[in-house]
Amino acid sequence: EGRTNYADSVKGRFTISRDNAKNTVYLQMNSLKPEDTAVYY
């Protein structure tokens, strides 16, 4: 339905979006910081 939940550490920098028809989710990550370094699942 489009409800979102973000970690406090990424609010204002990351944006999640979703195309239900394509069963695809996206994560736009802006203003990246070294502490964002990780494996993303």
Full PDB file with SEQRES, HELIX, SHEET, SSBOND, CRYST1, ORIGX, SCALE, CONECT and MASTER records, all heavy atoms in Angstrom:
SEQRES   1 A   41  GLU GLY ARG THR ASN TYR ALA ASP SER VAL LYS GLY ARG          
SEQRES   2 A   41  PHE THR ILE SER ARG ASP ASN ALA LYS ASN THR VAL TYR          
SEQRES   3 A   41  LEU GLN MET ASN SER LEU LYS PRO GLU ASP THR ALA VAL          
SEQRES   4 A   41  TYR TYR                                                      
HELIX    1 AA1 ASP A    8  VAL A   10  5                                   3    
HELIX    2 AA2 ASN A   20  LYS A   22  5                                   3    
HELIX    3 AA3 PRO A   34  ASP A   36  5                                   3    
SHEET    1 AA1 2 PHE A  14  ASP A  19  0                                        
SHEET    2 AA1 2 THR A  24  MET A  29 -1                                        
CRYST1    1.000    1.000    1.000  90.00  90.00  90.00 P 1           1          
ORIGX1      1.000000  0.000000  0.000000        0.00000                         
ORIGX2      0.000000  1.000000  0.000000        0.00000                         
ORIGX3      0.000000  0.000000  1.000000        0.00000                         
SCALE1      1.000000  0.000000  0.000000        0.00000                         
SCALE2      0.000000  1.000000  0.000000        0.00000                         
SCALE3      0.000000  0.000000  1.000000        0.00000                         
ATOM      1  N   GLU A   1       0.809  -1.227   0.000  1.00  0.00           N  
ATOM      2  CA  GLU A   1       0.000   0.000   0.000  1.00  0.00           C  
ATOM      3  C   GLU A   1       0.841   1.275   0.000  1.00  0.00           C  
ATOM      4  O   GLU A   1       0.298   2.370  -0.078  1.00  0.00           O  
ATOM      5  CB  GLU A   1      -0.916   0.005   1.232  1.00  0.00           C  
ATOM      6  CG  GLU A   1      -1.929  -1.133   1.258  1.00  0.00           C  
ATOM      7  CD  GLU A   1      -1.320  -2.433   1.717  1.00  0.00           C  
ATOM      8  OE1 GLU A   1      -0.210  -2.406   2.302  1.00  0.00           O  
ATOM      9  OE2 GLU A   1      -1.935  -3.495   1.489  1.00  0.00           O  
ATOM     10  N   GLY A   2       2.157   1.111   0.115  1.00  0.00           N  
ATOM     11  CA  GLY A   2       3.020   2.280   0.054  1.00  0.00           C  
ATOM     12  C   GLY A   2       3.493   2.815   1.383  1.00  0.00           C  
ATOM     13  O   GLY A   2       4.159   3.853   1.440  1.00  0.00           O  
ATOM     14  N   ARG A   3       3.141   2.148   2.461  1.00  0.00           N  
ATOM     15  CA  ARG A   3       3.644   2.589   3.765  1.00  0.00           C  
ATOM     16  C   ARG A   3       5.127   2.257   3.878  1.00  0.00           C  
ATOM     17  O   ARG A   3       5.554   1.192   3.463  1.00  0.00           O  
ATOM     18  CB  ARG A   3       2.862   1.929   4.892  1.00  0.00           C  
ATOM     19  CG  ARG A   3       1.423   2.395   4.998  1.00  0.00           C  
ATOM     20  CD  ARG A   3       0.775   1.853   6.252  1.00  0.00           C  
ATOM     21  NE  ARG A   3       0.713   0.400   6.247  1.00  0.00           N  
ATOM     22  CZ  ARG A   3      -0.310  -0.298   5.750  1.00  0.00           C  
ATOM     23  NH1 ARG A   3      -1.325   0.329   5.195  1.00  0.00           N  
ATOM     24  NH2 ARG A   3      -0.298  -1.615   5.799  1.00  0.00           N  
ATOM     25  N   THR A   4       5.875   3.177   4.448  1.00  0.00           N  
ATOM     26  CA  THR A   4       7.320   3.004   4.533  1.00  0.00           C  
ATOM     27  C   THR A   4       7.815   3.085   5.970  1.00  0.00           C  
ATOM     28  O   THR A   4       7.166   3.678   6.845  1.00  0.00           O  
ATOM     29  CB  THR A   4       8.055   4.070   3.706  1.00  0.00           C  
ATOM     30  OG1 THR A   4       7.707   5.372   4.193  1.00  0.00           O  
ATOM     31  CG2 THR A   4       7.698   3.971   2.236  1.00  0.00           C  
ATOM     32  N   ASN A   5       8.965   2.509   6.172  1.00  0.00           N  
ATOM     33  CA  ASN A   5       9.645   2.584   7.459  1.00  0.00           C  
ATOM     34  C   ASN A   5      11.140   2.682   7.161  1.00  0.00           C  
ATOM     35  O   ASN A   5      11.682   1.858   6.420  1.00  0.00           O  
ATOM     36  CB  ASN A   5       9.351   1.361   8.318  1.00  0.00           C  
ATOM     37  CG  ASN A   5       9.930   1.500   9.712  1.00  0.00           C  
ATOM     38  OD1 ASN A   5      10.103   2.604  10.230  1.00  0.00           O  
ATOM     39  ND2 ASN A   5      10.231   0.381  10.344  1.00  0.00           N  
ATOM     40  N   TYR A   6      11.783   3.702   7.721  1.00  0.00           N  
ATOM     41  CA  TYR A   6      13.199   3.931   7.484  1.00  0.00           C  
ATOM     42  C   TYR A   6      13.971   3.871   8.796  1.00  0.00           C  
ATOM     43  O   TYR A   6      13.479   4.273   9.855  1.00  0.00           O  
ATOM     44  CB  TYR A   6      13.435   5.321   6.892  1.00  0.00           C  
ATOM     45  CG  TYR A   6      12.975   5.514   5.468  1.00  0.00           C  
ATOM     46  CD1 TYR A   6      11.702   5.994   5.197  1.00  0.00           C  
ATOM     47  CD2 TYR A   6      13.832   5.259   4.405  1.00  0.00           C  
ATOM     48  CE1 TYR A   6      11.287   6.192   3.883  1.00  0.00           C  
ATOM     49  CE2 TYR A   6      13.429   5.466   3.093  1.00  0.00           C  
ATOM     50  CZ  TYR A   6      12.154   5.934   2.852  1.00  0.00           C  
ATOM     51  OH  TYR A   6      11.753   6.144   1.546  1.00  0.00           O  
ATOM     52  N   ALA A   7      15.212   3.436   8.694  1.00  0.00           N  
ATOM     53  CA  ALA A   7      16.112   3.577   9.832  1.00  0.00           C  
ATOM     54  C   ALA A   7      16.401   5.070  10.031  1.00  0.00           C  
ATOM     55  O   ALA A   7      16.503   5.821   9.051  1.00  0.00           O  
ATOM     56  CB  ALA A   7      17.411   2.833   9.576  1.00  0.00           C  
ATOM     57  N   ASP A   8      16.545   5.470  11.276  1.00  0.00           N  
ATOM     58  CA  ASP A   8      16.808   6.889  11.561  1.00  0.00           C  
ATOM     59  C   ASP A   8      18.078   7.361  10.856  1.00  0.00           C  
ATOM     60  O   ASP A   8      18.162   8.522  10.422  1.00  0.00           O  
ATOM     61  CB  ASP A   8      16.945   7.106  13.063  1.00  0.00           C  
ATOM     62  CG  ASP A   8      15.613   7.004  13.784  1.00  0.00           C  
ATOM     63  OD1 ASP A   8      14.564   7.097  13.115  1.00  0.00           O  
ATOM     64  OD2 ASP A   8      15.626   6.829  15.020  1.00  0.00           O  
ATOM     65  N   SER A   9      19.044   6.483  10.732  1.00  0.00           N  
ATOM     66  CA  SER A   9      20.341   6.869  10.174  1.00  0.00           C  
ATOM     67  C   SER A   9      20.290   7.199   8.687  1.00  0.00           C  
ATOM     68  O   SER A   9      21.225   7.813   8.161  1.00  0.00           O  
ATOM     69  CB  SER A   9      21.366   5.754  10.409  1.00  0.00           C  
ATOM     70  OG  SER A   9      20.934   4.551   9.789  1.00  0.00           O  
ATOM     71  N   VAL A  10      19.210   6.812   8.007  1.00  0.00           N  
ATOM     72  CA  VAL A  10      19.136   7.053   6.560  1.00  0.00           C  
ATOM     73  C   VAL A  10      18.007   8.005   6.183  1.00  0.00           C  
ATOM     74  O   VAL A  10      17.882   8.373   5.009  1.00  0.00           O  
ATOM     75  CB  VAL A  10      18.986   5.733   5.771  1.00  0.00           C  
ATOM     76  CG1 VAL A  10      20.082   4.754   6.154  1.00  0.00           C  
ATOM     77  CG2 VAL A  10      17.609   5.114   5.953  1.00  0.00           C  
ATOM     78  N   LYS A  11      17.201   8.404   7.137  1.00  0.00           N  
ATOM     79  CA  LYS A  11      16.090   9.304   6.840  1.00  0.00           C  
ATOM     80  C   LYS A  11      16.608  10.604   6.232  1.00  0.00           C  
ATOM     81  O   LYS A  11      17.583  11.179   6.705  1.00  0.00           O  
ATOM     82  CB  LYS A  11      15.292   9.601   8.114  1.00  0.00           C  
ATOM     83  CG  LYS A  11      14.409   8.463   8.570  1.00  0.00           C  
ATOM     84  CD  LYS A  11      13.643   8.817   9.836  1.00  0.00           C  
ATOM     85  CE  LYS A  11      12.762   7.660  10.284  1.00  0.00           C  
ATOM     86  NZ  LYS A  11      12.066   7.951  11.558  1.00  0.00           N  
ATOM     87  N   GLY A  12      15.952  11.022   5.159  1.00  0.00           N  
ATOM     88  CA  GLY A  12      16.354  12.240   4.485  1.00  0.00           C  
ATOM     89  C   GLY A  12      17.429  12.029   3.439  1.00  0.00           C  
ATOM     90  O   GLY A  12      17.706  12.935   2.636  1.00  0.00           O  
ATOM     91  N   ARG A  13      18.045  10.860   3.426  1.00  0.00           N  
ATOM     92  CA  ARG A  13      19.102  10.569   2.437  1.00  0.00           C  
ATOM     93  C   ARG A  13      18.707   9.434   1.490  1.00  0.00           C  
ATOM     94  O   ARG A  13      19.064   9.459   0.317  1.00  0.00           O  
ATOM     95  CB  ARG A  13      20.400  10.192   3.160  1.00  0.00           C  
ATOM     96  CG  ARG A  13      20.946  11.274   4.071  1.00  0.00           C  
ATOM     97  CD  ARG A  13      22.332  10.907   4.608  1.00  0.00           C  
ATOM     98  NE  ARG A  13      22.321   9.687   5.406  1.00  0.00           N  
ATOM     99  CZ  ARG A  13      23.054   8.619   5.138  1.00  0.00           C  
ATOM    100  NH1 ARG A  13      23.838   8.595   4.083  1.00  0.00           N  
ATOM    101  NH2 ARG A  13      22.995   7.548   5.925  1.00  0.00           N  
ATOM    102  N   PHE A  14      18.009   8.447   2.006  1.00  0.00           N  
ATOM    103  CA  PHE A  14      17.610   7.284   1.211  1.00  0.00           C  
ATOM    104  C   PHE A  14      16.116   7.347   0.935  1.00  0.00           C  
ATOM    105  O   PHE A  14      15.336   7.801   1.779  1.00  0.00           O  
ATOM    106  CB  PHE A  14      17.906   5.988   1.955  1.00  0.00           C  
ATOM    107  CG  PHE A  14      19.364   5.658   2.135  1.00  0.00           C  
ATOM    108  CD1 PHE A  14      20.369   6.575   1.836  1.00  0.00           C  
ATOM    109  CD2 PHE A  14      19.736   4.418   2.628  1.00  0.00           C  
ATOM    110  CE1 PHE A  14      21.697   6.276   2.011  1.00  0.00           C  
ATOM    111  CE2 PHE A  14      21.070   4.086   2.805  1.00  0.00           C  
ATOM    112  CZ  PHE A  14      22.049   5.023   2.505  1.00  0.00           C  
ATOM    113  N   THR A  15      15.730   6.843  -0.227  1.00  0.00           N  
ATOM    114  CA  THR A  15      14.322   6.781  -0.597  1.00  0.00           C  
ATOM    115  C   THR A  15      14.014   5.408  -1.169  1.00  0.00           C  
ATOM    116  O   THR A  15      14.678   4.970  -2.121  1.00  0.00           O  
ATOM    117  CB  THR A  15      13.960   7.850  -1.627  1.00  0.00           C  
ATOM    118  OG1 THR A  15      14.276   9.149  -1.102  1.00  0.00           O  
ATOM    119  CG2 THR A  15      12.473   7.802  -1.958  1.00  0.00           C  
ATOM    120  N   ILE A  16      13.022   4.764  -0.597  1.00  0.00           N  
ATOM    121  CA  ILE A  16      12.590   3.464  -1.109  1.00  0.00           C  
ATOM    122  C   ILE A  16      11.375   3.673  -2.008  1.00  0.00           C  
ATOM    123  O   ILE A  16      10.530   4.518  -1.743  1.00  0.00           O  
ATOM    124  CB  ILE A  16      12.273   2.489   0.044  1.00  0.00           C  
ATOM    125  CG1 ILE A  16      12.047   1.076  -0.493  1.00  0.00           C  
ATOM    126  CG2 ILE A  16      11.098   2.976   0.878  1.00  0.00           C  
ATOM    127  CD1 ILE A  16      11.959   0.018   0.600  1.00  0.00           C  
ATOM    128  N   SER A  17      11.326   2.894  -3.075  1.00  0.00           N  
ATOM    129  CA  SER A  17      10.167   2.927  -3.961  1.00  0.00           C  
ATOM    130  C   SER A  17       9.918   1.514  -4.461  1.00  0.00           C  
ATOM    131  O   SER A  17      10.772   0.633  -4.325  1.00  0.00           O  
ATOM    132  CB  SER A  17      10.387   3.898  -5.124  1.00  0.00           C  
ATOM    133  OG  SER A  17      11.517   3.515  -5.894  1.00  0.00           O  
ATOM    134  N   ARG A  18       8.749   1.343  -5.025  1.00  0.00           N  
ATOM    135  CA  ARG A  18       8.354  -0.017  -5.370  1.00  0.00           C  
ATOM    136  C   ARG A  18       7.454   0.014  -6.591  1.00  0.00           C  
ATOM    137  O   ARG A  18       6.580   0.880  -6.710  1.00  0.00           O  
ATOM    138  CB  ARG A  18       7.630  -0.646  -4.175  1.00  0.00           C  
ATOM    139  CG  ARG A  18       7.237  -2.082  -4.316  1.00  0.00           C  
ATOM    140  CD  ARG A  18       6.719  -2.593  -2.969  1.00  0.00           C  
ATOM    141  NE  ARG A  18       6.063  -3.870  -3.154  1.00  0.00           N  
ATOM    142  CZ  ARG A  18       5.538  -4.593  -2.162  1.00  0.00           C  
ATOM    143  NH1 ARG A  18       5.603  -4.137  -0.914  1.00  0.00           N  
ATOM    144  NH2 ARG A  18       4.963  -5.743  -2.397  1.00  0.00           N  
ATOM    145  N   ASP A  19       7.672  -0.927  -7.487  1.00  0.00           N  
ATOM    146  CA  ASP A  19       6.799  -1.126  -8.640  1.00  0.00           C  
ATOM    147  C   ASP A  19       6.128  -2.479  -8.445  1.00  0.00           C  
ATOM    148  O   ASP A  19       6.740  -3.528  -8.705  1.00  0.00           O  
ATOM    149  CB  ASP A  19       7.627  -1.092  -9.928  1.00  0.00           C  
ATOM    150  CG  ASP A  19       6.769  -1.141 -11.179  1.00  0.00           C  
ATOM    151  OD1 ASP A  19       5.659  -1.721 -11.114  1.00  0.00           O  
ATOM    152  OD2 ASP A  19       7.191  -0.629 -12.210  1.00  0.00           O  
ATOM    153  N   ASN A  20       4.902  -2.463  -7.961  1.00  0.00           N  
ATOM    154  CA  ASN A  20       4.214  -3.720  -7.653  1.00  0.00           C  
ATOM    155  C   ASN A  20       3.978  -4.562  -8.899  1.00  0.00           C  
ATOM    156  O   ASN A  20       4.010  -5.785  -8.849  1.00  0.00           O  
ATOM    157  CB  ASN A  20       2.898  -3.437  -6.948  1.00  0.00           C  
ATOM    158  CG  ASN A  20       3.091  -2.860  -5.563  1.00  0.00           C  
ATOM    159  OD1 ASN A  20       4.052  -3.187  -4.867  1.00  0.00           O  
ATOM    160  ND2 ASN A  20       2.187  -1.990  -5.140  1.00  0.00           N  
ATOM    161  N   ALA A  21       3.728  -3.905 -10.010  1.00  0.00           N  
ATOM    162  CA  ALA A  21       3.472  -4.638 -11.248  1.00  0.00           C  
ATOM    163  C   ALA A  21       4.705  -5.428 -11.695  1.00  0.00           C  
ATOM    164  O   ALA A  21       4.585  -6.496 -12.303  1.00  0.00           O  
ATOM    165  CB  ALA A  21       3.053  -3.678 -12.350  1.00  0.00           C  
ATOM    166  N   LYS A  22       5.885  -4.895 -11.377  1.00  0.00           N  
ATOM    167  CA  LYS A  22       7.126  -5.554 -11.750  1.00  0.00           C  
ATOM    168  C   LYS A  22       7.742  -6.343 -10.601  1.00  0.00           C  
ATOM    169  O   LYS A  22       8.821  -6.913 -10.751  1.00  0.00           O  
ATOM    170  CB  LYS A  22       8.138  -4.524 -12.254  1.00  0.00           C  
ATOM    171  CG  LYS A  22       7.724  -3.820 -13.533  1.00  0.00           C  
ATOM    172  CD  LYS A  22       8.810  -2.844 -13.984  1.00  0.00           C  
ATOM    173  CE  LYS A  22       8.421  -2.161 -15.279  1.00  0.00           C  
ATOM    174  NZ  LYS A  22       9.465  -1.187 -15.732  1.00  0.00           N  
ATOM    175  N   ASN A  23       7.075  -6.335  -9.449  1.00  0.00           N  
ATOM    176  CA  ASN A  23       7.633  -7.019  -8.268  1.00  0.00           C  
ATOM    177  C   ASN A  23       9.061  -6.565  -7.985  1.00  0.00           C  
ATOM    178  O   ASN A  23       9.944  -7.365  -7.661  1.00  0.00           O  
ATOM    179  CB  ASN A  23       7.630  -8.550  -8.470  1.00  0.00           C  
ATOM    180  CG  ASN A  23       6.371  -9.197  -7.937  1.00  0.00           C  
ATOM    181  OD1 ASN A  23       5.587  -8.571  -7.236  1.00  0.00           O  
ATOM    182  ND2 ASN A  23       6.180 -10.445  -8.277  1.00  0.00           N  
ATOM    183  N   THR A  24       9.273  -5.269  -8.090  1.00  0.00           N  
ATOM    184  CA  THR A  24      10.617  -4.708  -7.940  1.00  0.00           C  
ATOM    185  C   THR A  24      10.601  -3.590  -6.910  1.00  0.00           C  
ATOM    186  O   THR A  24       9.672  -2.785  -6.871  1.00  0.00           O  
ATOM    187  CB  THR A  24      11.133  -4.172  -9.284  1.00  0.00           C  
ATOM    188  OG1 THR A  24      11.167  -5.247 -10.232  1.00  0.00           O  
ATOM    189  CG2 THR A  24      12.535  -3.600  -9.141  1.00  0.00           C  
ATOM    190  N   VAL A  25      11.637  -3.581  -6.093  1.00  0.00           N  
ATOM    191  CA  VAL A  25      11.816  -2.520  -5.110  1.00  0.00           C  
ATOM    192  C   VAL A  25      13.161  -1.849  -5.375  1.00  0.00           C  
ATOM    193  O   VAL A  25      14.117  -2.495  -5.788  1.00  0.00           O  
ATOM    194  CB  VAL A  25      11.735  -3.074  -3.670  1.00  0.00           C  
ATOM    195  CG1 VAL A  25      12.886  -4.023  -3.359  1.00  0.00           C  
ATOM    196  CG2 VAL A  25      11.662  -1.952  -2.655  1.00  0.00           C  
ATOM    197  N   TYR A  26      13.180  -0.539  -5.140  1.00  0.00           N  
ATOM    198  CA  TYR A  26      14.382   0.250  -5.389  1.00  0.00           C  
ATOM    199  C   TYR A  26      14.800   0.974  -4.113  1.00  0.00           C  
ATOM    200  O   TYR A  26      13.965   1.271  -3.252  1.00  0.00           O  
ATOM    201  CB  TYR A  26      14.122   1.292  -6.479  1.00  0.00           C  
ATOM    202  CG  TYR A  26      13.559   0.715  -7.754  1.00  0.00           C  
ATOM    203  CD1 TYR A  26      12.181   0.671  -7.968  1.00  0.00           C  
ATOM    204  CD2 TYR A  26      14.394   0.206  -8.740  1.00  0.00           C  
ATOM    205  CE1 TYR A  26      11.655   0.138  -9.127  1.00  0.00           C  
ATOM    206  CE2 TYR A  26      13.877  -0.324  -9.913  1.00  0.00           C  
ATOM    207  CZ  TYR A  26      12.504  -0.351 -10.096  1.00  0.00           C  
ATOM    208  OH  TYR A  26      11.983  -0.888 -11.249  1.00  0.00           O  
ATOM    209  N   LEU A  27      16.073   1.282  -4.040  1.00  0.00           N  
ATOM    210  CA  LEU A  27      16.568   2.100  -2.938  1.00  0.00           C  
ATOM    211  C   LEU A  27      17.501   3.145  -3.532  1.00  0.00           C  
ATOM    212  O   LEU A  27      18.595   2.816  -3.999  1.00  0.00           O  
ATOM    213  CB  LEU A  27      17.305   1.259  -1.896  1.00  0.00           C  
ATOM    214  CG  LEU A  27      17.742   2.020  -0.648  1.00  0.00           C  
ATOM    215  CD1 LEU A  27      16.520   2.452   0.178  1.00  0.00           C  
ATOM    216  CD2 LEU A  27      18.686   1.178   0.209  1.00  0.00           C  
ATOM    217  N   GLN A  28      17.049   4.382  -3.538  1.00  0.00           N  
ATOM    218  CA  GLN A  28      17.875   5.493  -3.981  1.00  0.00           C  
ATOM    219  C   GLN A  28      18.648   6.010  -2.781  1.00  0.00           C  
ATOM    220  O   GLN A  28      18.040   6.433  -1.794  1.00  0.00           O  
ATOM    221  CB  GLN A  28      17.021   6.604  -4.574  1.00  0.00           C  
ATOM    222  CG  GLN A  28      17.811   7.824  -5.031  1.00  0.00           C  
ATOM    223  CD  GLN A  28      18.739   7.520  -6.188  1.00  0.00           C  
ATOM    224  OE1 GLN A  28      18.367   6.827  -7.136  1.00  0.00           O  
ATOM    225  NE2 GLN A  28      19.962   8.029  -6.121  1.00  0.00           N  
ATOM    226  N   MET A  29      19.959   5.963  -2.870  1.00  0.00           N  
ATOM    227  CA  MET A  29      20.809   6.356  -1.754  1.00  0.00           C  
ATOM    228  C   MET A  29      21.614   7.590  -2.148  1.00  0.00           C  
ATOM    229  O   MET A  29      22.431   7.524  -3.068  1.00  0.00           O  
ATOM    230  CB  MET A  29      21.754   5.209  -1.373  1.00  0.00           C  
ATOM    231  CG  MET A  29      21.029   3.913  -1.053  1.00  0.00           C  
ATOM    232  SD  MET A  29      22.128   2.606  -0.468  1.00  0.00           S  
ATOM    233  CE  MET A  29      23.082   2.296  -1.949  1.00  0.00           C  
ATOM    234  N   ASN A  30      21.349   8.678  -1.479  1.00  0.00           N  
ATOM    235  CA  ASN A  30      22.045   9.938  -1.734  1.00  0.00           C  
ATOM    236  C   ASN A  30      22.876  10.333  -0.517  1.00  0.00           C  
ATOM    237  O   ASN A  30      22.660   9.821   0.589  1.00  0.00           O  
ATOM    238  CB  ASN A  30      21.054  11.040  -2.071  1.00  0.00           C  
ATOM    239  CG  ASN A  30      20.251  10.758  -3.315  1.00  0.00           C  
ATOM    240  OD1 ASN A  30      20.732  10.114  -4.255  1.00  0.00           O  
ATOM    241  ND2 ASN A  30      19.015  11.227  -3.343  1.00  0.00           N  
ATOM    242  N   SER A  31      23.794  11.255  -0.726  1.00  0.00           N  
ATOM    243  CA  SER A  31      24.642  11.755   0.366  1.00  0.00           C  
ATOM    244  C   SER A  31      25.245  10.604   1.158  1.00  0.00           C  
ATOM    245  O   SER A  31      25.215  10.592   2.398  1.00  0.00           O  
ATOM    246  CB  SER A  31      23.819  12.669   1.291  1.00  0.00           C  
ATOM    247  OG  SER A  31      23.274  13.749   0.589  1.00  0.00           O  
ATOM    248  N   LEU A  32      25.801   9.669   0.456  1.00  0.00           N  
ATOM    249  CA  LEU A  32      26.338   8.468   1.106  1.00  0.00           C  
ATOM    250  C   LEU A  32      27.519   8.808   1.997  1.00  0.00           C  
ATOM    251  O   LEU A  32      28.314   9.713   1.709  1.00  0.00           O  
ATOM    252  CB  LEU A  32      26.748   7.440   0.052  1.00  0.00           C  
ATOM    253  CG  LEU A  32      25.567   6.657  -0.541  1.00  0.00           C  
ATOM    254  CD1 LEU A  32      25.931   6.025  -1.865  1.00  0.00           C  
ATOM    255  CD2 LEU A  32      25.098   5.597   0.446  1.00  0.00           C  
ATOM    256  N   LYS A  33      27.612   8.057   3.097  1.00  0.00           N  
ATOM    257  CA  LYS A  33      28.665   8.246   4.082  1.00  0.00           C  
ATOM    258  C   LYS A  33      29.470   6.953   4.213  1.00  0.00           C  
ATOM    259  O   LYS A  33      28.940   5.864   3.929  1.00  0.00           O  
ATOM    260  CB  LYS A  33      28.055   8.585   5.442  1.00  0.00           C  
ATOM    261  CG  LYS A  33      27.137   9.784   5.442  1.00  0.00           C  
ATOM    262  CD  LYS A  33      26.489   9.973   6.817  1.00  0.00           C  
ATOM    263  CE  LYS A  33      25.547  11.164   6.827  1.00  0.00           C  
ATOM    264  NZ  LYS A  33      24.910  11.344   8.161  1.00  0.00           N  
ATOM    265  N   PRO A  34      30.710   7.051   4.674  1.00  0.00           N  
ATOM    266  CA  PRO A  34      31.493   5.814   4.865  1.00  0.00           C  
ATOM    267  C   PRO A  34      30.785   4.801   5.765  1.00  0.00           C  
ATOM    268  O   PRO A  34      30.913   3.586   5.549  1.00  0.00           O  
ATOM    269  CB  PRO A  34      32.786   6.335   5.502  1.00  0.00           C  
ATOM    270  CG  PRO A  34      32.935   7.715   4.949  1.00  0.00           C  
ATOM    271  CD  PRO A  34      31.532   8.253   4.880  1.00  0.00           C  
ATOM    272  N   GLU A  35      30.022   5.270   6.729  1.00  0.00           N  
ATOM    273  CA  GLU A  35      29.320   4.354   7.623  1.00  0.00           C  
ATOM    274  C   GLU A  35      28.157   3.634   6.956  1.00  0.00           C  
ATOM    275  O   GLU A  35      27.543   2.745   7.563  1.00  0.00           O  
ATOM    276  CB  GLU A  35      28.833   5.077   8.886  1.00  0.00           C  
ATOM    277  CG  GLU A  35      28.065   6.349   8.629  1.00  0.00           C  
ATOM    278  CD  GLU A  35      28.943   7.591   8.725  1.00  0.00           C  
ATOM    279  OE1 GLU A  35      30.086   7.573   8.199  1.00  0.00           O  
ATOM    280  OE2 GLU A  35      28.472   8.591   9.312  1.00  0.00           O  
ATOM    281  N   ASP A  36      27.831   3.998   5.728  1.00  0.00           N  
ATOM    282  CA  ASP A  36      26.828   3.261   4.957  1.00  0.00           C  
ATOM    283  C   ASP A  36      27.416   2.026   4.296  1.00  0.00           C  
ATOM    284  O   ASP A  36      26.682   1.219   3.713  1.00  0.00           O  
ATOM    285  CB  ASP A  36      26.212   4.152   3.877  1.00  0.00           C  
ATOM    286  CG  ASP A  36      25.409   5.306   4.446  1.00  0.00           C  
ATOM    287  OD1 ASP A  36      24.657   5.087   5.418  1.00  0.00           O  
ATOM    288  OD2 ASP A  36      25.528   6.431   3.903  1.00  0.00           O  
ATOM    289  N   THR A  37      28.729   1.869   4.380  1.00  0.00           N  
ATOM    290  CA  THR A  37      29.384   0.714   3.788  1.00  0.00           C  
ATOM    291  C   THR A  37      28.876  -0.579   4.426  1.00  0.00           C  
ATOM    292  O   THR A  37      28.896  -0.725   5.650  1.00  0.00           O  
ATOM    293  CB  THR A  37      30.906   0.813   3.965  1.00  0.00           C  
ATOM    294  OG1 THR A  37      31.384   1.930   3.218  1.00  0.00           O  
ATOM    295  CG2 THR A  37      31.588  -0.460   3.479  1.00  0.00           C  
ATOM    296  N   ALA A  38      28.387  -1.483   3.597  1.00  0.00           N  
ATOM    297  CA  ALA A  38      27.810  -2.740   4.085  1.00  0.00           C  
ATOM    298  C   ALA A  38      27.397  -3.589   2.891  1.00  0.00           C  
ATOM    299  O   ALA A  38      27.399  -3.118   1.751  1.00  0.00           O  
ATOM    300  CB  ALA A  38      26.592  -2.463   4.961  1.00  0.00           C  
ATOM    301  N   VAL A  39      27.015  -4.817   3.188  1.00  0.00           N  
ATOM    302  CA  VAL A  39      26.313  -5.632   2.201  1.00  0.00           C  
ATOM    303  C   VAL A  39      24.827  -5.359   2.380  1.00  0.00           C  
ATOM    304  O   VAL A  39      24.302  -5.468   3.499  1.00  0.00           O  
ATOM    305  CB  VAL A  39      26.608  -7.131   2.382  1.00  0.00           C  
ATOM    306  CG1 VAL A  39      25.811  -7.942   1.367  1.00  0.00           C  
ATOM    307  CG2 VAL A  39      28.100  -7.401   2.231  1.00  0.00           C  
ATOM    308  N   TYR A  40      24.188  -4.994   1.305  1.00  0.00           N  
ATOM    309  CA  TYR A  40      22.761  -4.662   1.342  1.00  0.00           C  
ATOM    310  C   TYR A  40      21.964  -5.854   0.820  1.00  0.00           C  
ATOM    311  O   TYR A  40      22.234  -6.367  -0.272  1.00  0.00           O  
ATOM    312  CB  TYR A  40      22.492  -3.416   0.498  1.00  0.00           C  
ATOM    313  CG  TYR A  40      22.917  -2.157   1.198  1.00  0.00           C  
ATOM    314  CD1 TYR A  40      24.264  -1.872   1.413  1.00  0.00           C  
ATOM    315  CD2 TYR A  40      21.976  -1.244   1.677  1.00  0.00           C  
ATOM    316  CE1 TYR A  40      24.670  -0.725   2.082  1.00  0.00           C  
ATOM    317  CE2 TYR A  40      22.362  -0.088   2.337  1.00  0.00           C  
ATOM    318  CZ  TYR A  40      23.711   0.157   2.538  1.00  0.00           C  
ATOM    319  OH  TYR A  40      24.095   1.293   3.204  1.00  0.00           O  
ATOM    320  N   TYR A  41      20.977  -6.251   1.612  1.00  0.00           N  
ATOM    321  CA  TYR A  41      20.155  -7.407   1.285  1.00  0.00           C  
ATOM    322  C   TYR A  41      18.712  -6.976   1.036  1.00  0.00           C  
ATOM    323  O   TYR A  41      18.139  -6.203   1.803  1.00  0.00           O  
ATOM    324  CB  TYR A  41      20.164  -8.414   2.429  1.00  0.00           C  
ATOM    325  CG  TYR A  41      21.498  -9.042   2.702  1.00  0.00           C  
ATOM    326  CD1 TYR A  41      22.364  -8.486   3.639  1.00  0.00           C  
ATOM    327  CD2 TYR A  41      21.897 -10.197   2.041  1.00  0.00           C  
ATOM    328  CE1 TYR A  41      23.601  -9.055   3.897  1.00  0.00           C  
ATOM    329  CE2 TYR A  41      23.126 -10.784   2.303  1.00  0.00           C  
ATOM    330  CZ  TYR A  41      23.973 -10.206   3.229  1.00  0.00           C  
ATOM    331  OH  TYR A  41      25.185 -10.778   3.488  1.00  0.00           O  
TER     332      TYR A  41                                                      
MASTER        0    0    0    3    2    0    0    6  331    1    0    4          
END                                                                             
